[in-house]
PDB file of N, CA and C in Angstrom:
ATOM      1  N   MET A   1       1.103 -11.727  19.569  1.00  0.00           N
ATOM      2  CA  MET A   1       1.061 -10.336  19.156  1.00  0.00           C
ATOM      3  C   MET A   1       1.336 -10.254  17.649  1.00  0.00           C
ATOM      4  N   ILE A   2       0.526  -9.462  16.964  1.00  0.00           N
ATOM      5  CA  ILE A   2       0.698  -9.289  15.520  1.00  0.00           C
ATOM      6  C   ILE A   2       1.732  -8.197  15.286  1.00  0.00           C
ATOM      7  N   LYS A   3       2.714  -8.508  14.443  1.00  0.00           N
ATOM      8  CA  LYS A   3       3.769  -7.553  14.148  1.00  0.00           C
ATOM      9  C   LYS A   3       3.617  -7.060  12.712  1.00  0.00           C
ATOM     10  N   TYR A   4       3.691  -5.744  12.536  1.00  0.00           N
ATOM     11  CA  TYR A   4       3.640  -5.128  11.214  1.00  0.00           C
ATOM     12  C   TYR A   4       4.968  -4.451  10.925  1.00  0.00           C
ATOM     13  N   VAL A   5       5.364  -4.480   9.669  1.00  0.00           N
ATOM     14  CA  VAL A   5       6.575  -3.767   9.247  1.00  0.00           C
ATOM     15  C   VAL A   5       6.177  -2.718   8.223  1.00  0.00           C
ATOM     16  N   ASN A   6       6.918  -1.640   8.204  1.00  0.00           N
ATOM     17  CA  ASN A   6       6.659  -0.543   7.285  1.00  0.00           C
ATOM     18  C   ASN A   6       7.152  -0.903   5.881  1.00  0.00           C
ATOM     19  N   ILE A   7       6.334  -0.629   4.879  1.00  0.00           N
ATOM     20  CA  ILE A   7       6.709  -0.840   3.479  1.00  0.00           C
ATOM     21  C   ILE A   7       6.668   0.522   2.799  1.00  0.00           C
ATOM     22  N   ASN A   8       7.698   0.858   2.042  1.00  0.00           N
ATOM     23  CA  ASN A   8       7.691   2.168   1.387  1.00  0.00           C
ATOM     24  C   ASN A   8       6.826   2.140   0.128  1.00  0.00           C
ATOM     25  N   ILE A   9       6.456   3.313  -0.331  1.00  0.00           N
ATOM     26  CA  ILE A   9       5.558   3.466  -1.480  1.00  0.00           C
ATOM     27  C   ILE A   9       6.150   2.848  -2.747  1.00  0.00           C
ATOM     28  N   GLU A  10       7.456   2.908  -2.888  1.00  0.00           N
ATOM     29  CA  GLU A  10       8.099   2.335  -4.080  1.00  0.00           C
ATOM     30  C   GLU A  10       7.894   0.823  -4.137  1.00  0.00           C
ATOM     31  N   ARG A  11       7.934   0.170  -2.991  1.00  0.00           N
ATOM     32  CA  ARG A  11       7.707  -1.283  -2.930  1.00  0.00           C
ATOM     33  C   ARG A  11       6.263  -1.612  -3.312  1.00  0.00           C
ATOM     34  N   ILE A  12       5.316  -0.807  -2.832  1.00  0.00           N
ATOM     35  CA  ILE A  12       3.911  -1.009  -3.177  1.00  0.00           C
ATOM     36  C   ILE A  12       3.720  -0.878  -4.690  1.00  0.00           C
ATOM     37  N   LYS A  13       4.339   0.138  -5.282  1.00  0.00           N
ATOM     38  CA  LYS A  13       4.238   0.347  -6.730  1.00  0.00           C
ATOM     39  C   LYS A  13       4.866  -0.817  -7.500  1.00  0.00           C
ATOM     40  N   SER A  14       5.987  -1.326  -7.017  1.00  0.00           N
ATOM     41  CA  SER A  14       6.632  -2.430  -7.725  1.00  0.00           C
ATOM     42  C   SER A  14       5.793  -3.703  -7.664  1.00  0.00           C
ATOM     43  N   ILE A  15       5.115  -3.933  -6.554  1.00  0.00           N
ATOM     44  CA  ILE A  15       4.219  -5.093  -6.443  1.00  0.00           C
ATOM     45  C   ILE A  15       3.014  -4.904  -7.361  1.00  0.00           C
ATOM     46  N   ALA A  16       2.454  -3.700  -7.362  1.00  0.00           N
ATOM     47  CA  ALA A  16       1.227  -3.433  -8.107  1.00  0.00           C
ATOM     48  C   ALA A  16       1.401  -3.554  -9.613  1.00  0.00           C
ATOM     49  N   PHE A  17       2.563  -3.158 -10.129  1.00  0.00           N
ATOM     50  CA  PHE A  17       2.730  -3.091 -11.573  1.00  0.00           C
ATOM     51  C   PHE A  17       3.729  -4.101 -12.132  1.00  0.00           C
ATOM     52  N   ASN A  18       4.144  -5.068 -11.324  1.00  0.00           N
ATOM     53  CA  ASN A  18       5.029  -6.124 -11.789  1.00  0.00           C
ATOM     54  C   ASN A  18       4.178  -7.248 -12.365  1.00  0.00           C
ATOM     55  N   PRO A  19       4.353  -7.564 -13.652  1.00  0.00           N
ATOM     56  CA  PRO A  19       3.509  -8.600 -14.263  1.00  0.00           C
ATOM     57  C   PRO A  19       3.702  -9.990 -13.656  1.00  0.00           C
ATOM     58  N   GLU A  20       4.784 -10.213 -12.941  1.00  0.00           N
ATOM     59  CA  GLU A  20       5.040 -11.522 -12.333  1.00  0.00           C
ATOM     60  C   GLU A  20       4.484 -11.639 -10.915  1.00  0.00           C
ATOM     61  N   THR A  21       3.894 -10.554 -10.392  1.00  0.00           N
ATOM     62  CA  THR A  21       3.327 -10.570  -9.048  1.00  0.00           C
ATOM     63  C   THR A  21       2.062 -11.408  -9.031  1.00  0.00           C
ATOM     64  N   ASN A  22       1.877 -12.136  -7.951  1.00  0.00           N
ATOM     65  CA  ASN A  22       0.640 -12.895  -7.773  1.00  0.00           C
ATOM     66  C   ASN A  22      -0.538 -11.945  -7.980  1.00  0.00           C
ATOM     67  N   GLY A  23      -1.487 -12.306  -8.826  1.00  0.00           N
ATOM     68  CA  GLY A  23      -2.598 -11.448  -9.226  1.00  0.00           C
ATOM     69  C   GLY A  23      -3.347 -10.780  -8.093  1.00  0.00           C
ATOM     70  N   GLY A  24      -3.699 -11.521  -7.060  1.00  0.00           N
ATOM     71  CA  GLY A  24      -4.457 -10.952  -5.952  1.00  0.00           C
ATOM     72  C   GLY A  24      -3.703  -9.860  -5.230  1.00  0.00           C
ATOM     73  N   LYS A  25      -2.424 -10.059  -5.013  1.00  0.00           N
ATOM     74  CA  LYS A  25      -1.618  -9.065  -4.311  1.00  0.00           C
ATOM     75  C   LYS A  25      -1.431  -7.821  -5.172  1.00  0.00           C
ATOM     76  N   ALA A  26      -1.255  -8.000  -6.478  1.00  0.00           N
ATOM     77  CA  ALA A  26      -1.102  -6.865  -7.385  1.00  0.00           C
ATOM     78  C   ALA A  26      -2.368  -6.023  -7.415  1.00  0.00           C
ATOM     79  N   ILE A  27      -3.520  -6.685  -7.473  1.00  0.00           N
ATOM     80  CA  ILE A  27      -4.799  -5.969  -7.497  1.00  0.00           C
ATOM     81  C   ILE A  27      -5.005  -5.209  -6.196  1.00  0.00           C
ATOM     82  N   LEU A  28      -4.667  -5.821  -5.059  1.00  0.00           N
ATOM     83  CA  LEU A  28      -4.766  -5.154  -3.769  1.00  0.00           C
ATOM     84  C   LEU A  28      -3.916  -3.889  -3.753  1.00  0.00           C
ATOM     85  N   CYS A  29      -2.681  -3.991  -4.202  1.00  0.00           N
ATOM     86  CA  CYS A  29      -1.786  -2.840  -4.188  1.00  0.00           C
ATOM     87  C   CYS A  29      -2.258  -1.759  -5.155  1.00  0.00           C
ATOM     88  N   GLN A  30      -2.785  -2.154  -6.307  1.00  0.00           N
ATOM     89  CA  GLN A  30      -3.334  -1.175  -7.250  1.00  0.00           C
ATOM     90  C   GLN A  30      -4.513  -0.452  -6.619  1.00  0.00           C
ATOM     91  N   ASP A  31      -5.355  -1.193  -5.910  1.00  0.00           N
ATOM     92  CA  ASP A  31      -6.503  -0.592  -5.224  1.00  0.00           C
ATOM     93  C   ASP A  31      -6.045   0.405  -4.163  1.00  0.00           C
ATOM     94  N   LEU A  32      -5.021   0.038  -3.406  1.00  0.00           N
ATOM     95  CA  LEU A  32      -4.487   0.958  -2.392  1.00  0.00           C
ATOM     96  C   LEU A  32      -3.955   2.238  -3.034  1.00  0.00           C
ATOM     97  N   LEU A  33      -3.267   2.101  -4.160  1.00  0.00           N
ATOM     98  CA  LEU A  33      -2.724   3.277  -4.843  1.00  0.00           C
ATOM     99  C   LEU A  33      -3.836   4.167  -5.393  1.00  0.00           C
ATOM    100  N   ILE A  34      -4.896   3.567  -5.903  1.00  0.00           N
ATOM    101  CA  ILE A  34      -6.035   4.353  -6.398  1.00  0.00           C
ATOM    102  C   ILE A  34      -6.703   5.095  -5.252  1.00  0.00           C
ATOM    103  N   ARG A  35      -6.907   4.390  -4.131  1.00  0.00           N
ATOM    104  CA  ARG A  35      -7.507   5.048  -2.963  1.00  0.00           C
ATOM    105  C   ARG A  35      -6.622   6.163  -2.446  1.00  0.00           C
ATOM    106  N   MET A  36      -5.311   5.921  -2.423  1.00  0.00           N
ATOM    107  CA  MET A  36      -4.377   6.941  -1.969  1.00  0.00           C
ATOM    108  C   MET A  36      -4.469   8.185  -2.863  1.00  0.00           C
ATOM    109  N   LYS A  37      -4.512   7.982  -4.175  1.00  0.00           N
ATOM    110  CA  LYS A  37      -4.609   9.098  -5.113  1.00  0.00           C
ATOM    111  C   LYS A  37      -5.885   9.901  -4.869  1.00  0.00           C
ATOM    112  N   ASN A  38      -7.010   9.222  -4.706  1.00  0.00           N
ATOM    113  CA  ASN A  38      -8.284   9.902  -4.470  1.00  0.00           C
ATOM    114  C   ASN A  38      -8.273  10.685  -3.162  1.00  0.00           C
ATOM    115  N   ILE A  39      -7.744  10.087  -2.110  1.00  0.00           N
ATOM    116  CA  ILE A  39      -7.682  10.762  -0.813  1.00  0.00           C
ATOM    117  C   ILE A  39      -6.745  11.962  -0.891  1.00  0.00           C
ATOM    118  N   LYS A  40      -5.617  11.802  -1.584  1.00  0.00           N
ATOM    119  CA  LYS A  40      -4.677  12.928  -1.741  1.00  0.00           C
ATOM    120  C   LYS A  40      -5.368  14.108  -2.397  1.00  0.00           C
ATOM    121  N   GLU A  41      -6.127  13.869  -3.454  1.00  0.00           N
ATOM    122  CA  GLU A  41      -6.816  14.937  -4.168  1.00  0.00           C
ATOM    123  C   GLU A  41      -7.914  15.567  -3.317  1.00  0.00           C
ATOM    124  N   GLU A  42      -8.701  14.736  -2.624  1.00  0.00           N
ATOM    125  CA  GLU A  42      -9.817  15.235  -1.819  1.00  0.00           C
ATOM    126  C   GLU A  42      -9.358  15.999  -0.585  1.00  0.00           C
ATOM    127  N   GLU A  43      -8.321  15.504   0.062  1.00  0.00           N
ATOM    128  CA  GLU A  43      -7.884  16.073   1.342  1.00  0.00           C
ATOM    129  C   GLU A  43      -6.666  16.991   1.215  1.00  0.00           C
ATOM    130  N   GLY A  44      -6.069  17.053   0.036  1.00  0.00           N
ATOM    131  CA  GLY A  44      -4.881  17.892  -0.140  1.00  0.00           C
ATOM    132  C   GLY A  44      -3.662  17.352   0.588  1.00  0.00           C
ATOM    133  N   LEU A  45      -3.514  16.039   0.622  1.00  0.00           N
ATOM    134  CA  LEU A  45      -2.395  15.406   1.316  1.00  0.00           C
ATOM    135  C   LEU A  45      -1.275  15.081   0.331  1.00  0.00           C
ATOM    136  N   SER A  46      -0.128  14.679   0.866  1.00  0.00           N
ATOM    137  CA  SER A  46       0.994  14.241   0.033  1.00  0.00           C
ATOM    138  C   SER A  46       1.301  12.776   0.345  1.00  0.00           C
ATOM    139  N   GLU A  47       2.205  12.192  -0.449  1.00  0.00           N
ATOM    140  CA  GLU A  47       2.562  10.782  -0.231  1.00  0.00           C
ATOM    141  C   GLU A  47       3.147  10.558   1.160  1.00  0.00           C
ATOM    142  N   SER A  48       3.775  11.569   1.724  1.00  0.00           N
ATOM    143  CA  SER A  48       4.380  11.394   3.048  1.00  0.00           C
ATOM    144  C   SER A  48       3.335  11.229   4.149  1.00  0.00           C
ATOM    145  N   ASN A  49       2.070  11.522   3.856  1.00  0.00           N
ATOM    146  CA  ASN A  49       1.001  11.341   4.834  1.00  0.00           C
ATOM    147  C   ASN A  49       0.492   9.904   4.896  1.00  0.00           C
ATOM    148  N   PHE A  50       0.996   9.033   4.018  1.00  0.00           N
ATOM    149  CA  PHE A  50       0.528   7.661   3.948  1.00  0.00           C
ATOM    150  C   PHE A  50       1.619   6.700   4.390  1.00  0.00           C
ATOM    151  N   VAL A  51       1.211   5.717   5.193  1.00  0.00           N
ATOM    152  CA  VAL A  51       2.118   4.679   5.668  1.00  0.00           C
ATOM    153  C   VAL A  51       1.507   3.335   5.292  1.00  0.00           C
ATOM    154  N   PHE A  52       2.337   2.455   4.758  1.00  0.00           N
ATOM    155  CA  PHE A  52       1.892   1.118   4.395  1.00  0.00           C
ATOM    156  C   PHE A  52       2.535   0.126   5.351  1.00  0.00           C
ATOM    157  N   LEU A  53       1.711  -0.746   5.920  1.00  0.00           N
ATOM    158  CA  LEU A  53       2.174  -1.722   6.895  1.00  0.00           C
ATOM    159  C   LEU A  53       1.834  -3.117   6.411  1.00  0.00           C
ATOM    160  N   GLN A  54       2.772  -4.043   6.624  1.00  0.00           N
ATOM    161  CA  GLN A  54       2.542  -5.436   6.231  1.00  0.00           C
ATOM    162  C   GLN A  54       2.648  -6.333   7.445  1.00  0.00           C
ATOM    163  N   ASN A  55       1.651  -7.200   7.605  1.00  0.00           N
ATOM    164  CA  ASN A  55       1.648  -8.196   8.671  1.00  0.00           C
ATOM    165  C   ASN A  55       2.731  -9.214   8.348  1.00  0.00           C
ATOM    166  N   THR A  56       3.659  -9.422   9.271  1.00  0.00           N
ATOM    167  CA  THR A  56       4.781 -10.329   9.015  1.00  0.00           C
ATOM    168  C   THR A  56       4.360 -11.795   8.948  1.00  0.00           C
ATOM    169  N   GLN A  57       3.229 -12.141   9.545  1.00  0.00           N
ATOM    170  CA  GLN A  57       2.779 -13.532   9.530  1.00  0.00           C
ATOM    171  C   GLN A  57       1.928 -13.865   8.316  1.00  0.00           C
ATOM    172  N   THR A  58       1.008 -12.977   7.943  1.00  0.00           N
ATOM    173  CA  THR A  58       0.060 -13.283   6.862  1.00  0.00           C
ATOM    174  C   THR A  58       0.399 -12.577   5.547  1.00  0.00           C
ATOM    175  N   GLY A  59       1.197 -11.524   5.582  1.00  0.00           N
ATOM    176  CA  GLY A  59       1.510 -10.760   4.380  1.00  0.00           C
ATOM    177  C   GLY A  59       0.475  -9.696   4.067  1.00  0.00           C
ATOM    178  N   GLU A  60      -0.568  -9.588   4.892  1.00  0.00           N
ATOM    179  CA  GLU A  60      -1.619  -8.588   4.692  1.00  0.00           C
ATOM    180  C   GLU A  60      -1.000  -7.189   4.693  1.00  0.00           C
ATOM    181  N   ILE A  61      -1.448  -6.331   3.776  1.00  0.00           N
ATOM    182  CA  ILE A  61      -0.938  -4.961   3.675  1.00  0.00           C
ATOM    183  C   ILE A  61      -2.066  -4.003   4.024  1.00  0.00           C
ATOM    184  N   LYS A  62      -1.749  -3.024   4.884  1.00  0.00           N
ATOM    185  CA  LYS A  62      -2.708  -1.999   5.280  1.00  0.00           C
ATOM    186  C   LYS A  62      -2.151  -0.627   4.950  1.00  0.00           C
ATOM    187  N   MET A  63      -3.060   0.318   4.673  1.00  0.00           N
ATOM    188  CA  MET A  63      -2.673   1.694   4.446  1.00  0.00           C
ATOM    189  C   MET A  63      -3.199   2.540   5.586  1.00  0.00           C
ATOM    190  N   LYS A  64      -2.349   3.366   6.145  1.00  0.00           N
ATOM    191  CA  LYS A  64      -2.745   4.272   7.231  1.00  0.00           C
ATOM    192  C   LYS A  64      -2.422   5.699   6.812  1.00  0.00           C
ATOM    193  N   ILE A  65      -3.249   6.635   7.257  1.00  0.00           N
ATOM    194  CA  ILE A  65      -3.002   8.052   6.996  1.00  0.00           C
ATOM    195  C   ILE A  65      -2.511   8.669   8.303  1.00  0.00           C
ATOM    196  N   VAL A  66      -1.391   9.360   8.201  1.00  0.00           N
ATOM    197  CA  VAL A  66      -0.813  10.012   9.392  1.00  0.00           C
ATOM    198  C   VAL A  66      -0.725  11.503   9.197  1.00  0.00           C
TER     199      VAL A  66
END
């Protein structure tokens, strides 16, 4: 069974804009933040409508809208 843990938005921002973060992970998080911003503007949502989940085995991060 794949287990995901919740990651808060502040953690995503720290990964995305930390110069010491592995490049691929930083780019992924920046992309998620850009998509979140666009969806917020288009749909009139707030940050509380977004949940970030990380796979505990692979480190994969997903964004869900609730």
